[in-house]
Amino acid sequence: MIVTLPAEVEKQLIALATQKGLDADSYLLSLVQKELGNSVALDQPNGHGQDDDFDPEAGNRAVRLLTNRTPEQIKAAQERAIREFKPKRELPATVSPLEMLPVIRGNETDEEVLLALRDLS
């Protein structure tokens, strides 16, 4: 069945569904089932109900925050990352990072590669 709603009603439905932490389809289904006398939990298929802190827009907001940073914010984030994520071992000034890369012969097993990487860190 396809239900066509006037644009204003659809906007109101989406707003109400968002307040309850549901998508519009699930919310509309719950309203119809409620009217028909069927009790249905207001849960989305992914398990988020109206009482938890699920925020369907959280990911979109995070992406907007990351993509709309100023050059100063980006520089500050880079400096903070450099301070917080220092390597476990410092390279001597005479050693190039390229010298530390393993030579790949092509016949190592996965276990040998993982062991070599573990030794480097």
C-alpha atoms as a PDB file:
ATOM      1  CA  MET A   1       0.000   0.000   0.000  1.00  0.00           C
ATOM      2  CA  ILE A   2       1.219   3.490  -0.808  1.00  0.00           C
ATOM      3  CA  VAL A   3      -0.013   6.396   1.292  1.00  0.00           C
ATOM      4  CA  THR A   4       0.325   9.933  -0.040  1.00  0.00           C
ATOM      5  CA  LEU A   5       0.289  12.715   2.533  1.00  0.00           C
ATOM      6  CA  PRO A   6       0.080  16.465   2.008  1.00  0.00           C
ATOM      7  CA  ALA A   7       3.521  18.066   2.331  1.00  0.00           C
ATOM      8  CA  GLU A   8       2.672  19.872   5.575  1.00  0.00           C
ATOM      9  CA  VAL A   9       1.354  16.686   7.206  1.00  0.00           C
ATOM     10  CA  GLU A  10       4.474  14.818   6.102  1.00  0.00           C
ATOM     11  CA  LYS A  11       6.714  17.486   7.687  1.00  0.00           C
ATOM     12  CA  GLN A  12       4.780  17.230  10.952  1.00  0.00           C
ATOM     13  CA  LEU A  13       4.982  13.431  10.867  1.00  0.00           C
ATOM     14  CA  ILE A  14       8.761  13.511  10.337  1.00  0.00           C
ATOM     15  CA  ALA A  15       9.192  16.041  13.165  1.00  0.00           C
ATOM     16  CA  LEU A  16       7.147  13.934  15.598  1.00  0.00           C
ATOM     17  CA  ALA A  17       8.945  10.750  14.590  1.00  0.00           C
ATOM     18  CA  THR A  18      12.317  12.413  15.117  1.00  0.00           C
ATOM     19  CA  GLN A  19      11.279  13.550  18.599  1.00  0.00           C
ATOM     20  CA  LYS A  20      10.490   9.940  19.441  1.00  0.00           C
ATOM     21  CA  GLY A  21      13.750   8.674  17.940  1.00  0.00           C
ATOM     22  CA  LEU A  22      12.026   6.852  15.088  1.00  0.00           C
ATOM     23  CA  ASP A  23      12.018   7.054  11.341  1.00  0.00           C
ATOM     24  CA  ALA A  24       8.765   8.324   9.818  1.00  0.00           C
ATOM     25  CA  ASP A  25       7.741   4.888   8.458  1.00  0.00           C
ATOM     26  CA  SER A  26       8.041   3.164  11.849  1.00  0.00           C
ATOM     27  CA  TYR A  27       6.218   5.971  13.618  1.00  0.00           C
ATOM     28  CA  LEU A  28       3.370   5.985  11.095  1.00  0.00           C
ATOM     29  CA  LEU A  29       3.053   2.206  11.395  1.00  0.00           C
ATOM     30  CA  SER A  30       2.864   2.471  15.190  1.00  0.00           C
ATOM     31  CA  LEU A  31       0.101   5.104  14.927  1.00  0.00           C
ATOM     32  CA  VAL A  32      -1.955   2.969  12.550  1.00  0.00           C
ATOM     33  CA  GLN A  33      -1.526  -0.153  14.676  1.00  0.00           C
ATOM     34  CA  LYS A  34      -2.452   1.820  17.792  1.00  0.00           C
ATOM     35  CA  GLU A  35      -5.630   3.032  16.099  1.00  0.00           C
ATOM     36  CA  LEU A  36      -6.445  -0.505  15.003  1.00  0.00           C
ATOM     37  CA  GLY A  37      -6.035  -1.732  18.557  1.00  0.00           C
ATOM     38  CA  ASN A  38      -2.775  -3.590  18.040  1.00  0.00           C
ATOM     39  CA  SER A  39      -0.181  -2.772  20.643  1.00  0.00           C
ATOM     40  CA  VAL A  40       3.227  -2.261  19.124  1.00  0.00           C
ATOM     41  CA  ALA A  41       6.474  -1.165  20.688  1.00  0.00           C
ATOM     42  CA  LEU A  42       7.890   2.056  19.320  1.00  0.00           C
ATOM     43  CA  ASP A  43      11.130   0.387  18.344  1.00  0.00           C
ATOM     44  CA  GLN A  44      13.077   0.750  15.177  1.00  0.00           C
ATOM     45  CA  PRO A  45      14.320  -2.406  13.494  1.00  0.00           C
ATOM     46  CA  ASN A  46      17.822  -1.608  14.768  1.00  0.00           C
ATOM     47  CA  GLY A  47      16.664  -1.815  18.387  1.00  0.00           C
ATOM     48  CA  HIS A  48      16.514   1.875  19.322  1.00  0.00           C
ATOM     49  CA  GLY A  49      13.362   2.858  21.149  1.00  0.00           C
ATOM     50  CA  GLN A  50      11.916   6.113  22.347  1.00  0.00           C
ATOM     51  CA  ASP A  51      13.441   5.920  25.836  1.00  0.00           C
ATOM     52  CA  ASP A  52      17.109   5.614  24.923  1.00  0.00           C
ATOM     53  CA  ASP A  53      19.459   8.367  23.816  1.00  0.00           C
ATOM     54  CA  PHE A  54      19.652   7.288  20.164  1.00  0.00           C
ATOM     55  CA  ASP A  55      20.274  10.251  17.900  1.00  0.00           C
ATOM     56  CA  PRO A  56      19.908   9.431  14.201  1.00  0.00           C
ATOM     57  CA  GLU A  57      21.532  12.732  13.190  1.00  0.00           C
ATOM     58  CA  ALA A  58      24.659  12.422  15.364  1.00  0.00           C
ATOM     59  CA  GLY A  59      26.821  11.065  12.542  1.00  0.00           C
ATOM     60  CA  ASN A  60      25.721  13.762  10.113  1.00  0.00           C
ATOM     61  CA  ARG A  61      26.484  16.482  12.677  1.00  0.00           C
ATOM     62  CA  ALA A  62      29.941  15.017  13.328  1.00  0.00           C
ATOM     63  CA  VAL A  63      30.735  14.985   9.604  1.00  0.00           C
ATOM     64  CA  ARG A  64      29.570  18.607   9.261  1.00  0.00           C
ATOM     65  CA  LEU A  65      31.760  19.625  12.211  1.00  0.00           C
ATOM     66  CA  LEU A  66      34.810  17.940  10.700  1.00  0.00           C
ATOM     67  CA  THR A  67      34.318  19.229   7.172  1.00  0.00           C
ATOM     68  CA  ASN A  68      33.550  22.822   8.188  1.00  0.00           C
ATOM     69  CA  ARG A  69      36.601  23.438  10.384  1.00  0.00           C
ATOM     70  CA  THR A  70      38.660  26.570   9.960  1.00  0.00           C
ATOM     71  CA  PRO A  71      42.382  26.319   9.114  1.00  0.00           C
ATOM     72  CA  GLU A  72      43.147  27.323  12.722  1.00  0.00           C
ATOM     73  CA  GLN A  73      40.965  24.498  14.090  1.00  0.00           C
ATOM     74  CA  ILE A  74      42.648  21.984  11.767  1.00  0.00           C
ATOM     75  CA  LYS A  75      46.125  23.142  12.837  1.00  0.00           C
ATOM     76  CA  ALA A  76      45.167  22.928  16.533  1.00  0.00           C
ATOM     77  CA  ALA A  77      43.806  19.398  16.020  1.00  0.00           C
ATOM     78  CA  GLN A  78      47.001  18.322  14.244  1.00  0.00           C
ATOM     79  CA  GLU A  79      49.178  19.709  17.036  1.00  0.00           C
ATOM     80  CA  ARG A  80      47.023  18.000  19.678  1.00  0.00           C
ATOM     81  CA  ALA A  81      47.280  14.685  17.810  1.00  0.00           C
ATOM     82  CA  ILE A  82      51.067  14.982  17.554  1.00  0.00           C
ATOM     83  CA  ARG A  83      51.295  15.643  21.310  1.00  0.00           C
ATOM     84  CA  GLU A  84      48.923  12.836  22.318  1.00  0.00           C
ATOM     85  CA  PHE A  85      49.971  10.095  19.920  1.00  0.00           C
ATOM     86  CA  LYS A  86      53.721   9.949  20.218  1.00  0.00           C
ATOM     87  CA  PRO A  87      55.420   6.774  18.998  1.00  0.00           C
ATOM     88  CA  LYS A  88      56.480   4.235  21.615  1.00  0.00           C
ATOM     89  CA  ARG A  89      60.085   4.477  20.453  1.00  0.00           C
ATOM     90  CA  GLU A  90      61.776   7.613  19.204  1.00  0.00           C
ATOM     91  CA  LEU A  91      64.027   7.275  16.164  1.00  0.00           C
ATOM     92  CA  PRO A  92      67.591   8.523  16.524  1.00  0.00           C
ATOM     93  CA  ALA A  93      68.262  11.662  14.498  1.00  0.00           C
ATOM     94  CA  THR A  94      70.612   9.708  12.228  1.00  0.00           C
ATOM     95  CA  VAL A  95      67.953   7.161  11.218  1.00  0.00           C
ATOM     96  CA  SER A  96      65.427   7.807   8.466  1.00  0.00           C
ATOM     97  CA  PRO A  97      61.892   6.404   8.831  1.00  0.00           C
ATOM     98  CA  LEU A  98      62.409   4.805   5.404  1.00  0.00           C
ATOM     99  CA  GLU A  99      65.287   2.771   6.821  1.00  0.00           C
ATOM    100  CA  MET A 100      62.909   1.305   9.382  1.00  0.00           C
ATOM    101  CA  LEU A 101      60.498  -0.086   6.810  1.00  0.00           C
ATOM    102  CA  PRO A 102      60.800  -3.850   6.545  1.00  0.00           C
ATOM    103  CA  VAL A 103      62.180  -5.366   3.380  1.00  0.00           C
ATOM    104  CA  ILE A 104      59.405  -7.433   1.841  1.00  0.00           C
ATOM    105  CA  ARG A 105      60.700 -10.534   0.185  1.00  0.00           C
ATOM    106  CA  GLY A 106      57.246 -11.914  -0.534  1.00  0.00           C
ATOM    107  CA  ASN A 107      57.580 -15.341   1.038  1.00  0.00           C
ATOM    108  CA  GLU A 108      56.804 -14.412   4.654  1.00  0.00           C
ATOM    109  CA  THR A 109      53.810 -15.947   6.350  1.00  0.00           C
ATOM    110  CA  ASP A 110      51.154 -13.763   7.952  1.00  0.00           C
ATOM    111  CA  GLU A 111      52.484 -14.745  11.360  1.00  0.00           C
ATOM    112  CA  GLU A 112      56.025 -13.638  10.419  1.00  0.00           C
ATOM    113  CA  VAL A 113      54.774 -10.276   9.162  1.00  0.00           C
ATOM    114  CA  LEU A 114      52.689  -9.697  12.311  1.00  0.00           C
ATOM    115  CA  LEU A 115      55.651 -10.667  14.498  1.00  0.00           C
ATOM    116  CA  ALA A 116      57.939  -8.249  12.612  1.00  0.00           C
ATOM    117  CA  LEU A 117      55.387  -5.434  12.947  1.00  0.00           C
ATOM    118  CA  ARG A 118      54.983  -6.163  16.650  1.00  0.00           C
ATOM    119  CA  ASP A 119      58.769  -5.956  17.076  1.00  0.00           C
ATOM    120  CA  LEU A 120      58.848  -2.554  15.354  1.00  0.00           C
ATOM    121  CA  SER A 121      56.278  -0.993  17.664  1.00  0.00           C
END
